[in-house]
Protein backbone atom coordinates (compact mmCIF):
# COMPACT_ATOMS: atom_id res chain seq x y z
CA PRO A 1 -33.34 41.99 66.56
CA LYS A 2 -33.13 38.25 67.10
CA GLU A 3 -35.39 37.43 64.14
CA LEU A 4 -36.05 39.07 60.79
CA SER A 5 -38.50 38.48 57.98
CA ALA A 6 -38.19 40.22 54.63
CA ASP A 7 -39.64 39.94 51.15
CA ALA A 8 -37.95 38.22 48.22
CA GLY A 9 -36.28 41.44 47.10
CA TYR A 10 -33.78 41.07 49.96
CA PHE A 11 -32.87 37.47 49.08
CA SER A 12 -29.20 37.33 48.12
CA GLU A 13 -26.27 35.17 49.13
CA THR A 14 -24.52 38.28 50.49
CA ASN A 15 -27.45 39.08 52.80
CA LEU A 16 -27.77 35.46 53.89
CA LYS A 17 -24.05 35.26 54.72
CA TRP A 18 -24.23 38.46 56.78
CA LEU A 19 -27.31 37.31 58.68
CA ARG A 20 -26.21 33.70 59.15
CA ASN A 21 -24.55 34.10 62.58
CA LYS A 22 -26.30 37.24 63.76
CA ILE A 23 -30.06 37.02 63.18
CA ASP A 24 -32.57 34.21 62.60
CA ALA A 25 -33.79 35.34 59.17
CA TYR A 26 -36.75 34.28 57.02
CA ILE A 27 -36.35 35.56 53.45
CA PRO A 28 -38.08 33.77 50.57
CA GLY A 29 -36.05 33.12 47.44
CA GLU A 30 -38.92 33.80 45.09
CA ARG A 31 -42.31 35.45 45.09
CA ILE A 32 -45.37 33.23 45.16
CA LYS A 33 -49.00 34.20 44.72
CA HIS A 34 -51.36 33.89 47.66
CA ASN A 35 -53.31 31.08 45.99
CA GLN A 36 -50.17 29.20 44.92
CA LYS A 37 -49.22 26.13 46.96
CA PRO A 38 -45.60 25.96 48.13
CA GLU A 39 -43.44 22.96 47.29
CA PRO A 40 -43.60 20.19 49.90
CA ALA A 41 -40.97 20.24 52.63
CA PRO A 42 -38.04 17.89 52.02
CA LYS A 43 -37.68 15.01 54.42
CA GLY A 44 -34.56 13.73 56.13
CA ARG A 45 -31.36 15.31 57.31
CA ILE A 46 -30.13 18.58 55.86
CA PRO A 47 -26.99 17.98 53.78
CA VAL A 48 -23.91 19.54 55.37
CA ASP A 49 -22.72 21.11 52.10
CA LEU A 50 -26.05 22.68 51.09
CA PRO A 51 -25.52 26.27 49.79
CA LEU A 52 -27.00 29.12 51.88
CA PRO A 53 -29.77 29.99 49.39
CA ASP A 54 -30.93 26.35 49.39
CA LEU A 55 -30.78 26.24 53.20
CA MET A 56 -33.08 29.27 53.42
CA LYS A 57 -35.54 27.78 50.92
CA ARG A 58 -35.56 24.54 52.90
CA LYS A 59 -36.03 26.41 56.18
CA LEU A 60 -39.08 28.23 54.81
CA ARG A 61 -40.65 24.98 53.59
CA SER A 62 -40.10 23.20 56.91
CA GLN A 63 -43.10 21.96 58.87
CA THR A 64 -42.15 24.19 61.83
CA TRP A 65 -42.32 27.35 59.75
CA MET A 66 -45.31 26.38 57.59
CA GLY A 67 -47.34 25.35 60.62
């Protein structure tokens, strides 16, 4: 597949590293309740040295993904 979404149970740095260059993945780092509001999306450029888990969390909070 070109894209993959999975639940928080699959969130690990090992999985993110494996998927990084192969599949556009969307895996949340933590579980949230349906009535819980997500944190606001960060603004500005993505830091070059941001760790993979933080990149995924940022990706999921982006305006493109959240709609």
